[in-house]
mmCIF file of all heavy atoms, coordinates in Angstrom:
data_MODEL
# 
_entry.id   MODEL 
# 
loop_
_atom_site.group_PDB 
_atom_site.id 
_atom_site.type_symbol 
_atom_site.label_atom_id 
_atom_site.label_alt_id 
_atom_site.label_comp_id 
_atom_site.label_asym_id 
_atom_site.label_entity_id 
_atom_site.label_seq_id 
_atom_site.pdbx_PDB_ins_code 
_atom_site.Cartn_x 
_atom_site.Cartn_y 
_atom_site.Cartn_z 
_atom_site.occupancy 
_atom_site.B_iso_or_equiv 
_atom_site.pdbx_formal_charge 
_atom_site.auth_seq_id 
_atom_site.auth_comp_id 
_atom_site.auth_asym_id 
_atom_site.auth_atom_id 
_atom_site.pdbx_PDB_model_num 
ATOM 1   N N   . ASP A 1 1  ? 90.838  111.578 94.420 1.00 0.00 ? 1  ASP A N   1 
ATOM 2   C CA  . ASP A 1 1  ? 91.015  112.081 93.091 1.00 0.00 ? 1  ASP A CA  1 
ATOM 3   C C   . ASP A 1 1  ? 92.103  111.297 92.425 1.00 0.00 ? 1  ASP A C   1 
ATOM 4   O O   . ASP A 1 1  ? 93.284  111.370 92.889 1.00 0.00 ? 1  ASP A O   1 
ATOM 5   C CB  . ASP A 1 1  ? 91.373  113.592 93.147 1.00 0.00 ? 1  ASP A CB  1 
ATOM 6   C CG  . ASP A 1 1  ? 91.557  114.192 91.791 1.00 0.00 ? 1  ASP A CG  1 
ATOM 7   O OD1 . ASP A 1 1  ? 91.564  113.456 90.769 1.00 0.00 ? 1  ASP A OD1 1 
ATOM 8   O OD2 . ASP A 1 1  ? 91.755  115.420 91.740 1.00 0.00 ? 1  ASP A OD2 1 
ATOM 9   N N   . PRO A 1 2  ? 91.826  110.562 91.364 1.00 0.00 ? 2  PRO A N   1 
ATOM 10  C CA  . PRO A 1 2  ? 92.869  109.725 90.733 1.00 0.00 ? 2  PRO A CA  1 
ATOM 11  C C   . PRO A 1 2  ? 94.059  110.564 90.184 1.00 0.00 ? 2  PRO A C   1 
ATOM 12  O O   . PRO A 1 2  ? 95.215  110.109 90.166 1.00 0.00 ? 2  PRO A O   1 
ATOM 13  C CB  . PRO A 1 2  ? 92.158  108.973 89.642 1.00 0.00 ? 2  PRO A CB  1 
ATOM 14  C CG  . PRO A 1 2  ? 90.894  109.723 89.384 1.00 0.00 ? 2  PRO A CG  1 
ATOM 15  C CD  . PRO A 1 2  ? 90.538  110.382 90.677 1.00 0.00 ? 2  PRO A CD  1 
ATOM 16  N N   . ASP A 1 3  ? 93.761  111.779 89.733 1.00 0.00 ? 3  ASP A N   1 
ATOM 17  C CA  . ASP A 1 3  ? 94.835  112.610 89.204 1.00 0.00 ? 3  ASP A CA  1 
ATOM 18  C C   . ASP A 1 3  ? 95.780  113.021 90.340 1.00 0.00 ? 3  ASP A C   1 
ATOM 19  O O   . ASP A 1 3  ? 96.963  113.108 90.160 1.00 0.00 ? 3  ASP A O   1 
ATOM 20  C CB  . ASP A 1 3  ? 94.262  113.877 88.550 1.00 0.00 ? 3  ASP A CB  1 
ATOM 21  C CG  . ASP A 1 3  ? 93.482  113.574 87.288 1.00 0.00 ? 3  ASP A CG  1 
ATOM 22  O OD1 . ASP A 1 3  ? 93.869  112.493 86.615 1.00 0.00 ? 3  ASP A OD1 1 
ATOM 23  O OD2 . ASP A 1 3  ? 92.556  114.270 86.947 1.00 0.00 ? 3  ASP A OD2 1 
ATOM 24  N N   . ARG A 1 4  ? 95.220  113.360 91.517 1.00 0.00 ? 4  ARG A N   1 
ATOM 25  C CA  . ARG A 1 4  ? 96.013  113.659 92.664 1.00 0.00 ? 4  ARG A CA  1 
ATOM 26  C C   . ARG A 1 4  ? 96.899  112.495 93.061 1.00 0.00 ? 4  ARG A C   1 
ATOM 27  O O   . ARG A 1 4  ? 98.111  112.648 93.372 1.00 0.00 ? 4  ARG A O   1 
ATOM 28  C CB  . ARG A 1 4  ? 95.162  114.092 93.853 1.00 0.00 ? 4  ARG A CB  1 
ATOM 29  C CG  . ARG A 1 4  ? 95.971  114.551 95.081 1.00 0.00 ? 4  ARG A CG  1 
ATOM 30  C CD  . ARG A 1 4  ? 95.076  114.700 96.299 1.00 0.00 ? 4  ARG A CD  1 
ATOM 31  N NE  . ARG A 1 4  ? 95.835  115.068 97.479 1.00 0.00 ? 4  ARG A NE  1 
ATOM 32  C CZ  . ARG A 1 4  ? 95.485  114.822 98.718 1.00 0.00 ? 4  ARG A CZ  1 
ATOM 33  N NH1 . ARG A 1 4  ? 94.332  114.209 98.941 1.00 0.00 ? 4  ARG A NH1 1 
ATOM 34  N NH2 . ARG A 1 4  ? 96.263  115.216 99.745 1.00 0.00 ? 4  ARG A NH2 1 
ATOM 35  N N   . LEU A 1 5  ? 96.330  111.297 93.094 1.00 0.00 ? 5  LEU A N   1 
ATOM 36  C CA  . LEU A 1 5  ? 97.085  110.118 93.455 1.00 0.00 ? 5  LEU A CA  1 
ATOM 37  C C   . LEU A 1 5  ? 98.220  109.908 92.475 1.00 0.00 ? 5  LEU A C   1 
ATOM 38  O O   . LEU A 1 5  ? 99.332  109.538 92.865 1.00 0.00 ? 5  LEU A O   1 
ATOM 39  C CB  . LEU A 1 5  ? 96.199  108.893 93.474 1.00 0.00 ? 5  LEU A CB  1 
ATOM 40  C CG  . LEU A 1 5  ? 95.157  108.782 94.596 1.00 0.00 ? 5  LEU A CG  1 
ATOM 41  C CD1 . LEU A 1 5  ? 94.215  107.578 94.337 1.00 0.00 ? 5  LEU A CD1 1 
ATOM 42  C CD2 . LEU A 1 5  ? 95.862  108.631 95.929 1.00 0.00 ? 5  LEU A CD2 1 
ATOM 43  N N   . ALA A 1 6  ? 97.969  110.142 91.162 1.00 0.00 ? 6  ALA A N   1 
ATOM 44  C CA  . ALA A 1 6  ? 99.030  109.971 90.164 1.00 0.00 ? 6  ALA A CA  1 
ATOM 45  C C   . ALA A 1 6  ? 100.125 110.991 90.351 1.00 0.00 ? 6  ALA A C   1 
ATOM 46  O O   . ALA A 1 6  ? 101.312 110.689 90.179 1.00 0.00 ? 6  ALA A O   1 
ATOM 47  C CB  . ALA A 1 6  ? 98.396  110.076 88.773 1.00 0.00 ? 6  ALA A CB  1 
ATOM 48  N N   . ARG A 1 7  ? 99.732  112.216 90.691 1.00 0.00 ? 7  ARG A N   1 
ATOM 49  C CA  . ARG A 1 7  ? 100.764 113.249 90.926 1.00 0.00 ? 7  ARG A CA  1 
ATOM 50  C C   . ARG A 1 7  ? 101.604 112.938 92.142 1.00 0.00 ? 7  ARG A C   1 
ATOM 51  O O   . ARG A 1 7  ? 102.849 113.104 92.137 1.00 0.00 ? 7  ARG A O   1 
ATOM 52  C CB  . ARG A 1 7  ? 100.102 114.643 91.124 1.00 0.00 ? 7  ARG A CB  1 
ATOM 53  C CG  . ARG A 1 7  ? 99.533  115.255 89.813 1.00 0.00 ? 7  ARG A CG  1 
ATOM 54  C CD  . ARG A 1 7  ? 99.255  116.720 90.067 1.00 0.00 ? 7  ARG A CD  1 
ATOM 55  N NE  . ARG A 1 7  ? 98.306  116.962 91.154 1.00 0.00 ? 7  ARG A NE  1 
ATOM 56  C CZ  . ARG A 1 7  ? 96.954  116.985 91.032 1.00 0.00 ? 7  ARG A CZ  1 
ATOM 57  N NH1 . ARG A 1 7  ? 96.429  116.772 89.863 1.00 0.00 ? 7  ARG A NH1 1 
ATOM 58  N NH2 . ARG A 1 7  ? 96.225  117.170 92.040 1.00 0.00 ? 7  ARG A NH2 1 
ATOM 59  N N   . GLN A 1 8  ? 100.981 112.414 93.228 1.00 0.00 ? 8  GLN A N   1 
ATOM 60  C CA  . GLN A 1 8  ? 101.687 112.190 94.456 1.00 0.00 ? 8  GLN A CA  1 
ATOM 61  C C   . GLN A 1 8  ? 102.471 110.863 94.473 1.00 0.00 ? 8  GLN A C   1 
ATOM 62  O O   . GLN A 1 8  ? 103.555 110.794 95.026 1.00 0.00 ? 8  GLN A O   1 
ATOM 63  C CB  . GLN A 1 8  ? 100.675 112.153 95.639 1.00 0.00 ? 8  GLN A CB  1 
ATOM 64  C CG  . GLN A 1 8  ? 99.954  113.445 95.866 1.00 0.00 ? 8  GLN A CG  1 
ATOM 65  C CD  . GLN A 1 8  ? 100.822 114.481 96.512 1.00 0.00 ? 8  GLN A CD  1 
ATOM 66  O OE1 . GLN A 1 8  ? 101.807 114.206 97.166 1.00 0.00 ? 8  GLN A OE1 1 
ATOM 67  N NE2 . GLN A 1 8  ? 100.478 115.764 96.346 1.00 0.00 ? 8  GLN A NE2 1 
ATOM 68  N N   . LEU A 1 9  ? 101.909 109.852 93.798 1.00 0.00 ? 9  LEU A N   1 
ATOM 69  C CA  . LEU A 1 9  ? 102.459 108.509 93.870 1.00 0.00 ? 9  LEU A CA  1 
ATOM 70  C C   . LEU A 1 9  ? 102.883 107.920 92.583 1.00 0.00 ? 9  LEU A C   1 
ATOM 71  O O   . LEU A 1 9  ? 103.384 106.787 92.527 1.00 0.00 ? 9  LEU A O   1 
ATOM 72  C CB  . LEU A 1 9  ? 101.479 107.586 94.583 1.00 0.00 ? 9  LEU A CB  1 
ATOM 73  C CG  . LEU A 1 9  ? 100.911 108.015 95.968 1.00 0.00 ? 9  LEU A CG  1 
ATOM 74  C CD1 . LEU A 1 9  ? 99.859  107.015 96.405 1.00 0.00 ? 9  LEU A CD1 1 
ATOM 75  C CD2 . LEU A 1 9  ? 102.064 108.049 96.981 1.00 0.00 ? 9  LEU A CD2 1 
ATOM 76  N N   . GLY A 1 10 ? 102.740 108.653 91.493 1.00 0.00 ? 10 GLY A N   1 
ATOM 77  C CA  . GLY A 1 10 ? 103.088 108.142 90.174 1.00 0.00 ? 10 GLY A CA  1 
ATOM 78  C C   . GLY A 1 10 ? 102.255 106.997 89.712 1.00 0.00 ? 10 GLY A C   1 
ATOM 79  O O   . GLY A 1 10 ? 101.011 106.902 90.004 1.00 0.00 ? 10 GLY A O   1 
ATOM 80  N N   . SER A 1 11 ? 102.839 106.019 89.067 1.00 0.00 ? 11 SER A N   1 
ATOM 81  C CA  . SER A 1 11 ? 102.137 104.844 88.530 1.00 0.00 ? 11 SER A CA  1 
ATOM 82  C C   . SER A 1 11 ? 101.509 104.034 89.644 1.00 0.00 ? 11 SER A C   1 
ATOM 83  O O   . SER A 1 11 ? 100.492 103.364 89.479 1.00 0.00 ? 11 SER A O   1 
ATOM 84  C CB  . SER A 1 11 ? 103.010 104.002 87.660 1.00 0.00 ? 11 SER A CB  1 
ATOM 85  O OG  . SER A 1 11 ? 104.120 103.525 88.400 1.00 0.00 ? 11 SER A OG  1 
ATOM 86  N N   . LEU A 1 12 ? 102.168 104.042 90.843 1.00 0.00 ? 12 LEU A N   1 
ATOM 87  C CA  . LEU A 1 12 ? 101.608 103.292 91.944 1.00 0.00 ? 12 LEU A CA  1 
ATOM 88  C C   . LEU A 1 12 ? 100.254 103.837 92.346 1.00 0.00 ? 12 LEU A C   1 
ATOM 89  O O   . LEU A 1 12 ? 99.311  103.125 92.712 1.00 0.00 ? 12 LEU A O   1 
ATOM 90  C CB  . LEU A 1 12 ? 102.561 103.436 93.169 1.00 0.00 ? 12 LEU A CB  1 
ATOM 91  C CG  . LEU A 1 12 ? 102.059 102.850 94.498 1.00 0.00 ? 12 LEU A CG  1 
ATOM 92  C CD1 . LEU A 1 12 ? 101.787 101.356 94.358 1.00 0.00 ? 12 LEU A CD1 1 
ATOM 93  C CD2 . LEU A 1 12 ? 103.062 103.129 95.629 1.00 0.00 ? 12 LEU A CD2 1 
ATOM 94  N N   . GLY A 1 13 ? 100.079 105.185 92.279 1.00 0.00 ? 13 GLY A N   1 
ATOM 95  C CA  . GLY A 1 13 ? 98.773  105.791 92.584 1.00 0.00 ? 13 GLY A CA  1 
ATOM 96  C C   . GLY A 1 13 ? 97.695  105.255 91.695 1.00 0.00 ? 13 GLY A C   1 
ATOM 97  O O   . GLY A 1 13 ? 96.537  105.011 92.171 1.00 0.00 ? 13 GLY A O   1 
ATOM 98  N N   . LYS A 1 14 ? 97.962  105.139 90.395 1.00 0.00 ? 14 LYS A N   1 
ATOM 99  C CA  . LYS A 1 14 ? 96.957  104.652 89.473 1.00 0.00 ? 14 LYS A CA  1 
ATOM 100 C C   . LYS A 1 14 ? 96.544  103.217 89.800 1.00 0.00 ? 14 LYS A C   1 
ATOM 101 O O   . LYS A 1 14 ? 95.390  102.832 89.824 1.00 0.00 ? 14 LYS A O   1 
ATOM 102 C CB  . LYS A 1 14 ? 97.487  104.722 88.046 1.00 0.00 ? 14 LYS A CB  1 
ATOM 103 C CG  . LYS A 1 14 ? 96.535  104.212 86.998 1.00 0.00 ? 14 LYS A CG  1 
ATOM 104 C CD  . LYS A 1 14 ? 97.139  104.262 85.604 1.00 0.00 ? 14 LYS A CD  1 
ATOM 105 C CE  . LYS A 1 14 ? 96.161  103.719 84.542 1.00 0.00 ? 14 LYS A CE  1 
ATOM 106 N NZ  . LYS A 1 14 ? 96.747  103.716 83.192 1.00 0.00 ? 14 LYS A NZ  1 
ATOM 107 N N   . ARG A 1 15 ? 97.589  102.361 90.061 1.00 0.00 ? 15 ARG A N   1 
ATOM 108 C CA  . ARG A 1 15 ? 97.283  100.969 90.404 1.00 0.00 ? 15 ARG A CA  1 
ATOM 109 C C   . ARG A 1 15 ? 96.493  100.853 91.676 1.00 0.00 ? 15 ARG A C   1 
ATOM 110 O O   . ARG A 1 15 ? 95.553  100.042 91.784 1.00 0.00 ? 15 ARG A O   1 
ATOM 111 C CB  . ARG A 1 15 ? 98.593  100.178 90.547 1.00 0.00 ? 15 ARG A CB  1 
ATOM 112 C CG  . ARG A 1 15 ? 99.334  99.916  89.210 1.00 0.00 ? 15 ARG A CG  1 
ATOM 113 C CD  . ARG A 1 15 ? 100.327 98.802  89.382 1.00 0.00 ? 15 ARG A CD  1 
ATOM 114 N NE  . ARG A 1 15 ? 101.319 99.073  90.402 1.00 0.00 ? 15 ARG A NE  1 
ATOM 115 C CZ  . ARG A 1 15 ? 102.449 99.779  90.213 1.00 0.00 ? 15 ARG A CZ  1 
ATOM 116 N NH1 . ARG A 1 15 ? 102.688 100.318 89.023 1.00 0.00 ? 15 ARG A NH1 1 
ATOM 117 N NH2 . ARG A 1 15 ? 103.292 99.980  91.216 1.00 0.00 ? 15 ARG A NH2 1 
ATOM 118 N N   . LEU A 1 16 ? 96.822  101.633 92.712 1.00 0.00 ? 16 LEU A N   1 
ATOM 119 C CA  . LEU A 1 16 ? 96.112  101.546 93.962 1.00 0.00 ? 16 LEU A CA  1 
ATOM 120 C C   . LEU A 1 16 ? 94.661  102.042 93.794 1.00 0.00 ? 16 LEU A C   1 
ATOM 121 O O   . LEU A 1 16 ? 93.748  101.467 94.379 1.00 0.00 ? 16 LEU A O   1 
ATOM 122 C CB  . LEU A 1 16 ? 96.803  102.443 95.002 1.00 0.00 ? 16 LEU A CB  1 
ATOM 123 C CG  . LEU A 1 16 ? 98.145  101.910 95.543 1.00 0.00 ? 16 LEU A CG  1 
ATOM 124 C CD1 . LEU A 1 16 ? 98.788  102.923 96.475 1.00 0.00 ? 16 LEU A CD1 1 
ATOM 125 C CD2 . LEU A 1 16 ? 97.981  100.568 96.261 1.00 0.00 ? 16 LEU A CD2 1 
ATOM 126 N N   . TYR A 1 17 ? 94.470  103.057 93.010 1.00 0.00 ? 17 TYR A N   1 
ATOM 127 C CA  . TYR A 1 17 ? 93.094  103.535 92.719 1.00 0.00 ? 17 TYR A CA  1 
ATOM 128 C C   . TYR A 1 17 ? 92.250  102.419 92.070 1.00 0.00 ? 17 TYR A C   1 
ATOM 129 O O   . TYR A 1 17 ? 91.123  102.217 92.450 1.00 0.00 ? 17 TYR A O   1 
ATOM 130 C CB  . TYR A 1 17 ? 93.120  104.769 91.818 1.00 0.00 ? 17 TYR A CB  1 
ATOM 131 C CG  . TYR A 1 17 ? 91.772  105.339 91.535 1.00 0.00 ? 17 TYR A CG  1 
ATOM 132 C CD1 . TYR A 1 17 ? 91.089  106.120 92.507 1.00 0.00 ? 17 TYR A CD1 1 
ATOM 133 C CD2 . TYR A 1 17 ? 91.162  105.125 90.273 1.00 0.00 ? 17 TYR A CD2 1 
ATOM 134 C CE1 . TYR A 1 17 ? 89.844  106.643 92.204 1.00 0.00 ? 17 TYR A CE1 1 
ATOM 135 C CE2 . TYR A 1 17 ? 89.905  105.648 90.049 1.00 0.00 ? 17 TYR A CE2 1 
ATOM 136 C CZ  . TYR A 1 17 ? 89.258  106.430 91.018 1.00 0.00 ? 17 TYR A CZ  1 
ATOM 137 O OH  . TYR A 1 17 ? 87.972  106.880 90.739 1.00 0.00 ? 17 TYR A OH  1 
ATOM 138 N N   . GLU A 1 18 ? 92.832  101.705 91.138 1.00 0.00 ? 18 GLU A N   1 
ATOM 139 C CA  . GLU A 1 18 ? 92.123  100.615 90.441 1.00 0.00 ? 18 GLU A CA  1 
ATOM 140 C C   . GLU A 1 18 ? 91.813  99.527  91.433 1.00 0.00 ? 18 GLU A C   1 
ATOM 141 O O   . GLU A 1 18 ? 90.704  98.971  91.458 1.00 0.00 ? 18 GLU A O   1 
ATOM 142 C CB  . GLU A 1 18 ? 92.960  100.074 89.292 1.00 0.00 ? 18 GLU A CB  1 
ATOM 143 C CG  . GLU A 1 18 ? 93.072  101.019 88.091 1.00 0.00 ? 18 GLU A CG  1 
ATOM 144 C CD  . GLU A 1 18 ? 93.927  100.437 87.028 1.00 0.00 ? 18 GLU A CD  1 
ATOM 145 O OE1 . GLU A 1 18 ? 94.628  99.443  87.275 1.00 0.00 ? 18 GLU A OE1 1 
ATOM 146 O OE2 . GLU A 1 18 ? 93.922  101.023 85.894 1.00 0.00 ? 18 GLU A OE2 1 
ATOM 147 N N   . ARG A 1 19 ? 92.792  99.189  92.304 1.00 0.00 ? 19 ARG A N   1 
ATOM 148 C CA  . ARG A 1 19 ? 92.542  98.128  93.278 1.00 0.00 ? 19 ARG A CA  1 
ATOM 149 C C   . ARG A 1 19 ? 91.436  98.496  94.235 1.00 0.00 ? 19 ARG A C   1 
ATOM 150 O O   . ARG A 1 19 ? 90.604  97.644  94.628 1.00 0.00 ? 19 ARG A O   1 
ATOM 151 C CB  . ARG A 1 19 ? 93.828  97.815  94.058 1.00 0.00 ? 19 ARG A CB  1 
ATOM 152 C CG  . ARG A 1 19 ? 95.011  97.312  93.236 1.00 0.00 ? 19 ARG A CG  1 
ATOM 153 C CD  . ARG A 1 19 ? 94.709  95.982  92.547 1.00 0.00 ? 19 ARG A CD  1 
ATOM 154 N NE  . ARG A 1 19 ? 95.829  95.468  91.854 1.00 0.00 ? 19 ARG A NE  1 
ATOM 155 C CZ  . ARG A 1 19 ? 96.112  95.719  90.576 1.00 0.00 ? 19 ARG A CZ  1 
ATOM 156 N NH1 . ARG A 1 19 ? 95.318  96.494  89.873 1.00 0.00 ? 19 ARG A NH1 1 
ATOM 157 N NH2 . ARG A 1 19 ? 97.179  95.191  89.990 1.00 0.00 ? 19 ARG A NH2 1 
ATOM 158 N N   . ALA A 1 20 ? 91.342  99.763  94.630 1.00 0.00 ? 20 ALA A N   1 
ATOM 159 C CA  . ALA A 1 20 ? 90.319  100.215 95.539 1.00 0.00 ? 20 ALA A CA  1 
ATOM 160 C C   . ALA A 1 20 ? 88.922  100.127 94.909 1.00 0.00 ? 20 ALA A C   1 
ATOM 161 O O   . ALA A 1 20 ? 87.923  100.015 95.610 1.00 0.00 ? 20 ALA A O   1 
ATOM 162 C CB  . ALA A 1 20 ? 90.592  101.671 95.986 1.00 0.00 ? 20 ALA A CB  1 
ATOM 163 N N   . GLN A 1 21 ? 88.842  100.127 93.563 1.00 0.00 ? 21 GLN A N   1 
ATOM 164 C CA  . GLN A 1 21 ? 87.592  99.964  92.881 1.00 0.00 ? 21 GLN A CA  1 
ATOM 165 C C   . GLN A 1 21 ? 87.242  98.474  92.715 1.00 0.00 ? 21 GLN A C   1 
ATOM 166 O O   . GLN A 1 21 ? 86.213  98.121  92.178 1.00 0.00 ? 21 GLN A O   1 
ATOM 167 C CB  . GLN A 1 21 ? 87.659  100.587 91.475 1.00 0.00 ? 21 GLN A CB  1 
ATOM 168 C CG  . GLN A 1 21 ? 88.219  101.970 91.365 1.00 0.00 ? 21 GLN A CG  1 
ATOM 169 C CD  . GLN A 1 21 ? 87.440  103.002 92.207 1.00 0.00 ? 21 GLN A CD  1 
ATOM 170 O OE1 . GLN A 1 21 ? 86.211  102.969 92.234 1.00 0.00 ? 21 GLN A OE1 1 
ATOM 171 N NE2 . GLN A 1 21 ? 88.152  103.894 92.833 1.00 0.00 ? 21 GLN A NE2 1 
ATOM 172 N N   . GLY A 1 22 ? 88.122  97.627  93.192 1.00 0.00 ? 22 GLY A N   1 
ATOM 173 C CA  . GLY A 1 22 ? 87.910  96.193  93.063 1.00 0.00 ? 22 GLY A CA  1 
ATOM 174 C C   . GLY A 1 22 ? 88.424  95.601  91.744 1.00 0.00 ? 22 GLY A C   1 
ATOM 175 O O   . GLY A 1 22 ? 88.063  94.498  91.367 1.00 0.00 ? 22 GLY A O   1 
ATOM 176 N N   . ILE A 1 23 ? 89.270  96.354  91.029 1.00 0.00 ? 23 ILE A N   1 
ATOM 177 C CA  . ILE A 1 23 ? 89.721  95.949  89.715 1.00 0.00 ? 23 ILE A CA  1 
ATOM 178 C C   . ILE A 1 23 ? 91.091  95.284  89.809 1.00 0.00 ? 23 ILE A C   1 
ATOM 179 O O   . ILE A 1 23 ? 92.003  95.821  90.429 1.00 0.00 ? 23 ILE A O   1 
ATOM 180 C CB  . ILE A 1 23 ? 89.804  97.173  88.762 1.00 0.00 ? 23 ILE A CB  1 
ATOM 181 C CG1 . ILE A 1 23 ? 88.445  97.837  88.615 1.00 0.00 ? 23 ILE A CG1 1 
ATOM 182 C CG2 . ILE A 1 23 ? 90.410  96.796  87.426 1.00 0.00 ? 23 ILE A CG2 1 
ATOM 183 C CD1 . ILE A 1 23 ? 88.493  99.162  87.865 1.00 0.00 ? 23 ILE A CD1 1 
ATOM 184 N N   . ASP A 1 24 ? 91.239  94.114  89.187 1.00 0.00 ? 24 ASP A N   1 
ATOM 185 C CA  . ASP A 1 24 ? 92.535  93.427  89.131 1.00 0.00 ? 24 ASP A CA  1 
ATOM 186 C C   . ASP A 1 24 ? 92.463  92.549  87.882 1.00 0.00 ? 24 ASP A C   1 
ATOM 187 O O   . ASP A 1 24 ? 91.862  91.481  87.868 1.00 0.00 ? 24 ASP A O   1 
ATOM 188 C CB  . ASP A 1 24 ? 92.759  92.563  90.366 1.00 0.00 ? 24 ASP A CB  1 
ATOM 189 C CG  . ASP A 1 24 ? 94.031  91.701  90.235 1.00 0.00 ? 24 ASP A CG  1 
ATOM 190 O OD1 . ASP A 1 24 ? 94.892  92.102  89.434 1.00 0.00 ? 24 ASP A OD1 1 
ATOM 191 O OD2 . ASP A 1 24 ? 94.138  90.728  90.955 1.00 0.00 ? 24 ASP A OD2 1 
ATOM 192 N N   . PRO A 1 25 ? 93.153  92.949  86.825 1.00 0.00 ? 25 PRO A N   1 
ATOM 193 C CA  . PRO A 1 25 ? 93.067  92.179  85.559 1.00 0.00 ? 25 PRO A CA  1 
ATOM 194 C C   . PRO A 1 25 ? 94.019  90.995  85.486 1.00 0.00 ? 25 PRO A C   1 
ATOM 195 O O   . PRO A 1 25 ? 94.045  90.233  84.481 1.00 0.00 ? 25 PRO A O   1 
ATOM 196 C CB  . PRO A 1 25 ? 93.484  93.268  84.508 1.00 0.00 ? 25 PRO A CB  1 
ATOM 197 C CG  . PRO A 1 25 ? 94.448  94.131  85.258 1.00 0.00 ? 25 PRO A CG  1 
ATOM 198 C CD  . PRO A 1 25 ? 93.920  94.181  86.692 1.00 0.00 ? 25 PRO A CD  1 
ATOM 199 N N   . SER A 1 26 ? 94.849  90.787  86.513 1.00 0.00 ? 26 SER A N   1 
ATOM 200 C CA  . SER A 1 26 ? 95.846  89.702  86.415 1.00 0.00 ? 26 SER A CA  1 
ATOM 201 C C   . SER A 1 26 ? 95.226  88.331  86.302 1.00 0.00 ? 26 SER A C   1 
ATOM 202 O O   . SER A 1 26 ? 94.174  88.051  86.925 1.00 0.00 ? 26 SER A O   1 
ATOM 203 C CB  . SER A 1 26 ? 96.800  89.768  87.617 1.00 0.00 ? 26 SER A CB  1 
ATOM 204 O OG  . SER A 1 26 ? 96.058  89.601  88.814 1.00 0.00 ? 26 SER A OG  1 
ATOM 205 N N   . GLU A 1 27 ? 95.854  87.457  85.555 1.00 0.00 ? 27 GLU A N   1 
ATOM 206 C CA  . GLU A 1 27 ? 95.325  86.149  85.298 1.00 0.00 ? 27 GLU A CA  1 
ATOM 207 C C   . GLU A 1 27 ? 95.978  85.083  86.223 1.00 0.00 ? 27 GLU A C   1 
ATOM 208 O O   . GLU A 1 27 ? 97.067  85.290  86.786 1.00 0.00 ? 27 GLU A O   1 
ATOM 209 C CB  . GLU A 1 27 ? 95.652  85.732  83.820 1.00 0.00 ? 27 GLU A CB  1 
ATOM 210 C CG  . GLU A 1 27 ? 95.004  86.605  82.783 1.00 0.00 ? 27 GLU A CG  1 
ATOM 211 C CD  . GLU A 1 27 ? 93.528  86.411  82.704 1.00 0.00 ? 27 GLU A CD  1 
ATOM 212 O OE1 . GLU A 1 27 ? 93.004  85.338  83.113 1.00 0.00 ? 27 GLU A OE1 1 
ATOM 213 O OE2 . GLU A 1 27 ? 92.810  87.335  82.227 1.00 0.00 ? 27 GLU A OE2 1 
# 
């Protein structure tokens, strides 16, 4: 649950959730 990750880990939780989806916008 991305909301749970955000509550537990803050902004790190959101970034980790995106990485687990295979998402990385960095150039």
